[in-house]
Amino acid sequence: MVGLYMGVARRTISADPERARLALRTGEDTVRQAMTEMRHLLEVLRTDGEPKS
């Protein structure tokens, strides 16, 4: 998905800079959300089945 946004930005940056900026912002937001979800998943996996302290 992020690759798609980066491709749009690359292809439109000279003809439509605002569209390119929007694609880059959307890509950034997508990466941030994916990283947040990955951290949460890792936290769940690390603590699953372990006794609580």
PDB file of N, CA and C in Angstrom:
ATOM      1  N   MET A   1       0.824  -1.179   0.000  1.00  0.00           N
ATOM      2  CA  MET A   1       0.000   0.000   0.000  1.00  0.00           C
ATOM      3  C   MET A   1       0.877   1.255   0.000  1.00  0.00           C
ATOM      4  N   VAL A   2       1.877   1.258   0.841  1.00  0.00           N
ATOM      5  CA  VAL A   2       2.755   2.431   0.907  1.00  0.00           C
ATOM      6  C   VAL A   2       3.471   2.630  -0.424  1.00  0.00           C
ATOM      7  N   GLY A   3       3.882   1.525  -1.045  1.00  0.00           N
ATOM      8  CA  GLY A   3       4.528   1.623  -2.350  1.00  0.00           C
ATOM      9  C   GLY A   3       3.628   2.291  -3.379  1.00  0.00           C
ATOM     10  N   LEU A   4       2.348   2.018  -3.309  1.00  0.00           N
ATOM     11  CA  LEU A   4       1.391   2.656  -4.209  1.00  0.00           C
ATOM     12  C   LEU A   4       1.385   4.174  -4.014  1.00  0.00           C
ATOM     13  N   TYR A   5       1.323   4.613  -2.761  1.00  0.00           N
ATOM     14  CA  TYR A   5       1.324   6.048  -2.475  1.00  0.00           C
ATOM     15  C   TYR A   5       2.618   6.714  -2.928  1.00  0.00           C
ATOM     16  N   MET A   6       3.740   6.019  -2.720  1.00  0.00           N
ATOM     17  CA  MET A   6       5.021   6.583  -3.144  1.00  0.00           C
ATOM     18  C   MET A   6       5.097   6.675  -4.667  1.00  0.00           C
ATOM     19  N   GLY A   7       4.551   5.683  -5.351  1.00  0.00           N
ATOM     20  CA  GLY A   7       4.533   5.720  -6.809  1.00  0.00           C
ATOM     21  C   GLY A   7       3.692   6.873  -7.343  1.00  0.00           C
ATOM     22  N   VAL A   8       2.546   7.103  -6.720  1.00  0.00           N
ATOM     23  CA  VAL A   8       1.692   8.233  -7.116  1.00  0.00           C
ATOM     24  C   VAL A   8       2.450   9.533  -6.911  1.00  0.00           C
ATOM     25  N   ALA A   9       3.103   9.667  -5.771  1.00  0.00           N
ATOM     26  CA  ALA A   9       3.853  10.894  -5.489  1.00  0.00           C
ATOM     27  C   ALA A   9       4.953  11.107  -6.521  1.00  0.00           C
ATOM     28  N   ARG A  10       5.702  10.058  -6.818  1.00  0.00           N
ATOM     29  CA  ARG A  10       6.793  10.174  -7.785  1.00  0.00           C
ATOM     30  C   ARG A  10       6.286  10.581  -9.162  1.00  0.00           C
ATOM     31  N   ARG A  11       5.183   9.979  -9.590  1.00  0.00           N
ATOM     32  CA  ARG A  11       4.679  10.265 -10.935  1.00  0.00           C
ATOM     33  C   ARG A  11       3.977  11.614 -11.044  1.00  0.00           C
ATOM     34  N   THR A  12       3.493  12.152  -9.937  1.00  0.00           N
ATOM     35  CA  THR A  12       2.715  13.397 -10.026  1.00  0.00           C
ATOM     36  C   THR A  12       3.423  14.618  -9.460  1.00  0.00           C
ATOM     37  N   ILE A  13       4.613  14.454  -8.899  1.00  0.00           N
ATOM     38  CA  ILE A  13       5.243  15.558  -8.178  1.00  0.00           C
ATOM     39  C   ILE A  13       5.464  16.794  -9.049  1.00  0.00           C
ATOM     40  N   SER A  14       5.842  16.618 -10.291  1.00  0.00           N
ATOM     41  CA  SER A  14       6.087  17.804 -11.124  1.00  0.00           C
ATOM     42  C   SER A  14       4.794  18.385 -11.690  1.00  0.00           C
ATOM     43  N   ALA A  15       3.846  17.531 -12.031  1.00  0.00           N
ATOM     44  CA  ALA A  15       2.596  18.012 -12.639  1.00  0.00           C
ATOM     45  C   ALA A  15       1.577  18.467 -11.603  1.00  0.00           C
ATOM     46  N   ASP A  16       1.557  17.818 -10.438  1.00  0.00           N
ATOM     47  CA  ASP A  16       0.544  18.123  -9.422  1.00  0.00           C
ATOM     48  C   ASP A  16       1.164  17.966  -8.034  1.00  0.00           C
ATOM     49  N   PRO A  17       1.955  18.962  -7.617  1.00  0.00           N
ATOM     50  CA  PRO A  17       2.660  18.861  -6.335  1.00  0.00           C
ATOM     51  C   PRO A  17       1.737  18.636  -5.135  1.00  0.00           C
ATOM     52  N   GLU A  18       0.550  19.216  -5.157  1.00  0.00           N
ATOM     53  CA  GLU A  18      -0.361  19.040  -4.031  1.00  0.00           C
ATOM     54  C   GLU A  18      -0.834  17.590  -3.928  1.00  0.00           C
ATOM     55  N   ARG A  19      -1.124  16.988  -5.059  1.00  0.00           N
ATOM     56  CA  ARG A  19      -1.514  15.567  -5.051  1.00  0.00           C
ATOM     57  C   ARG A  19      -0.360  14.702  -4.556  1.00  0.00           C
ATOM     58  N   ALA A  20       0.857  15.042  -4.975  1.00  0.00           N
ATOM     59  CA  ALA A  20       2.032  14.300  -4.521  1.00  0.00           C
ATOM     60  C   ALA A  20       2.201  14.443  -3.014  1.00  0.00           C
ATOM     61  N   ARG A  21       2.029  15.648  -2.486  1.00  0.00           N
ATOM     62  CA  ARG A  21       2.127  15.860  -1.032  1.00  0.00           C
ATOM     63  C   ARG A  21       1.076  15.045  -0.295  1.00  0.00           C
ATOM     64  N   LEU A  22      -0.129  15.012  -0.825  1.00  0.00           N
ATOM     65  CA  LEU A  22      -1.203  14.245  -0.202  1.00  0.00           C
ATOM     66  C   LEU A  22      -0.860  12.743  -0.195  1.00  0.00           C
ATOM     67  N   ALA A  23      -0.333  12.247  -1.298  1.00  0.00           N
ATOM     68  CA  ALA A  23       0.058  10.842  -1.370  1.00  0.00           C
ATOM     69  C   ALA A  23       1.158  10.533  -0.354  1.00  0.00           C
ATOM     70  N   LEU A  24       2.120  11.437  -0.210  1.00  0.00           N
ATOM     71  CA  LEU A  24       3.187  11.228   0.766  1.00  0.00           C
ATOM     72  C   LEU A  24       2.648  11.250   2.189  1.00  0.00           C
ATOM     73  N   ARG A  25       1.757  12.190   2.488  1.00  0.00           N
ATOM     74  CA  ARG A  25       1.164  12.248   3.830  1.00  0.00           C
ATOM     75  C   ARG A  25       0.376  10.985   4.133  1.00  0.00           C
ATOM     76  N   THR A  26      -0.379  10.521   3.148  1.00  0.00           N
ATOM     77  CA  THR A  26      -1.166   9.303   3.335  1.00  0.00           C
ATOM     78  C   THR A  26      -0.245   8.108   3.561  1.00  0.00           C
ATOM     79  N   GLY A  27       0.835   8.035   2.810  1.00  0.00           N
ATOM     80  CA  GLY A  27       1.811   6.963   3.007  1.00  0.00           C
ATOM     81  C   GLY A  27       2.420   7.013   4.397  1.00  0.00           C
ATOM     82  N   GLU A  28       2.781   8.200   4.858  1.00  0.00           N
ATOM     83  CA  GLU A  28       3.332   8.362   6.203  1.00  0.00           C
ATOM     84  C   GLU A  28       2.333   7.899   7.256  1.00  0.00           C
ATOM     85  N   ASP A  29       1.094   8.316   7.116  1.00  0.00           N
ATOM     86  CA  ASP A  29       0.058   7.923   8.075  1.00  0.00           C
ATOM     87  C   ASP A  29      -0.146   6.408   8.084  1.00  0.00           C
ATOM     88  N   THR A  30      -0.106   5.804   6.912  1.00  0.00           N
ATOM     89  CA  THR A  30      -0.281   4.364   6.801  1.00  0.00           C
ATOM     90  C   THR A  30       0.850   3.629   7.508  1.00  0.00           C
ATOM     91  N   VAL A  31       2.076   4.099   7.330  1.00  0.00           N
ATOM     92  CA  VAL A  31       3.225   3.477   7.989  1.00  0.00           C
ATOM     93  C   VAL A  31       3.122   3.629   9.495  1.00  0.00           C
ATOM     94  N   ARG A  32       2.754   4.810   9.969  1.00  0.00           N
ATOM     95  CA  ARG A  32       2.609   5.021  11.417  1.00  0.00           C
ATOM     96  C   ARG A  32       1.559   4.071  12.007  1.00  0.00           C
ATOM     97  N   GLN A  33       0.438   3.949  11.338  1.00  0.00           N
ATOM     98  CA  GLN A  33      -0.627   3.069  11.822  1.00  0.00           C
ATOM     99  C   GLN A  33      -0.158   1.613  11.826  1.00  0.00           C
ATOM    100  N   ALA A  34       0.528   1.195  10.783  1.00  0.00           N
ATOM    101  CA  ALA A  34       1.026  -0.179  10.711  1.00  0.00           C
ATOM    102  C   ALA A  34       2.030  -0.451  11.824  1.00  0.00           C
ATOM    103  N   MET A  35       2.904   0.505  12.105  1.00  0.00           N
ATOM    104  CA  MET A  35       3.884   0.332  13.181  1.00  0.00           C
ATOM    105  C   MET A  35       3.200   0.249  14.542  1.00  0.00           C
ATOM    106  N   THR A  36       2.193   1.068  14.757  1.00  0.00           N
ATOM    107  CA  THR A  36       1.441   1.013  16.013  1.00  0.00           C
ATOM    108  C   THR A  36       0.790  -0.346  16.180  1.00  0.00           C
ATOM    109  N   GLU A  37       0.175  -0.846  15.136  1.00  0.00           N
ATOM    110  CA  GLU A  37      -0.472  -2.151  15.188  1.00  0.00           C
ATOM    111  C   GLU A  37       0.550  -3.269  15.413  1.00  0.00           C
ATOM    112  N   MET A  38       1.713  -3.165  14.780  1.00  0.00           N
ATOM    113  CA  MET A  38       2.754  -4.171  14.941  1.00  0.00           C
ATOM    114  C   MET A  38       3.277  -4.174  16.385  1.00  0.00           C
ATOM    115  N   ARG A  39       3.483  -2.991  16.954  1.00  0.00           N
ATOM    116  CA  ARG A  39       3.936  -2.916  18.350  1.00  0.00           C
ATOM    117  C   ARG A  39       2.912  -3.543  19.286  1.00  0.00           C
ATOM    118  N   HIS A  40       1.652  -3.266  19.039  1.00  0.00           N
ATOM    119  CA  HIS A  40       0.599  -3.839  19.874  1.00  0.00           C
ATOM    120  C   HIS A  40       0.590  -5.365  19.751  1.00  0.00           C
ATOM    121  N   LEU A  41       0.695  -5.857  18.546  1.00  0.00           N
ATOM    122  CA  LEU A  41       0.721  -7.298  18.319  1.00  0.00           C
ATOM    123  C   LEU A  41       1.908  -7.940  19.031  1.00  0.00           C
ATOM    124  N   LEU A  42       3.080  -7.334  18.923  1.00  0.00           N
ATOM    125  CA  LEU A  42       4.262  -7.876  19.595  1.00  0.00           C
ATOM    126  C   LEU A  42       4.088  -7.871  21.110  1.00  0.00           C
ATOM    127  N   GLU A  43       3.478  -6.830  21.637  1.00  0.00           N
ATOM    128  CA  GLU A  43       3.218  -6.769  23.073  1.00  0.00           C
ATOM    129  C   GLU A  43       2.304  -7.917  23.505  1.00  0.00           C
ATOM    130  N   VAL A  44       1.267  -8.157  22.722  1.00  0.00           N
ATOM    131  CA  VAL A  44       0.348  -9.256  23.033  1.00  0.00           C
ATOM    132  C   VAL A  44       1.078 -10.594  22.956  1.00  0.00           C
ATOM    133  N   LEU A  45       1.866 -10.798  21.932  1.00  0.00           N
ATOM    134  CA  LEU A  45       2.578 -12.063  21.769  1.00  0.00           C
ATOM    135  C   LEU A  45       3.602 -12.287  22.880  1.00  0.00           C
ATOM    136  N   ARG A  46       4.252 -11.229  23.308  1.00  0.00           N
ATOM    137  CA  ARG A  46       5.264 -11.355  24.374  1.00  0.00           C
ATOM    138  C   ARG A  46       4.629 -11.712  25.708  1.00  0.00           C
ATOM    139  N   THR A  47       3.441 -11.198  25.977  1.00  0.00           N
ATOM    140  CA  THR A  47       2.830 -11.401  27.281  1.00  0.00           C
ATOM    141  C   THR A  47       1.827 -12.550  27.300  1.00  0.00           C
ATOM    142  N   ASP A  48       1.489 -13.099  26.148  1.00  0.00           N
ATOM    143  CA  ASP A  48       0.498 -14.177  26.088  1.00  0.00           C
ATOM    144  C   ASP A  48       1.013 -15.407  26.819  1.00  0.00           C
ATOM    145  N   GLY A  49       0.263 -15.839  27.828  1.00  0.00           N
ATOM    146  CA  GLY A  49       0.613 -17.033  28.567  1.00  0.00           C
ATOM    147  C   GLY A  49       1.611 -16.820  29.690  1.00  0.00           C
ATOM    148  N   GLU A  50       2.200 -15.641  29.793  1.00  0.00           N
ATOM    149  CA  GLU A  50       3.143 -15.381  30.878  1.00  0.00           C
ATOM    150  C   GLU A  50       2.374 -14.975  32.133  1.00  0.00           C
ATOM    151  N   PRO A  51       2.823 -15.434  33.286  1.00  0.00           N
ATOM    152  CA  PRO A  51       2.166 -14.991  34.513  1.00  0.00           C
ATOM    153  C   PRO A  51       2.363 -13.500  34.719  1.00  0.00           C
ATOM    154  N   LYS A  52       1.323 -12.865  35.214  1.00  0.00           N
ATOM    155  CA  LYS A  52       1.398 -11.416  35.481  1.00  0.00           C
ATOM    156  C   LYS A  52       2.202 -11.165  36.736  1.00  0.00           C
ATOM    157  N   SER A  53       3.017 -10.150  36.734  1.00  0.00           N
ATOM    158  CA  SER A  53       3.842  -9.808  37.907  1.00  0.00           C
ATOM    159  C   SER A  53       3.078  -8.949  38.879  1.00  0.00           C
TER     160      SER A  53
END
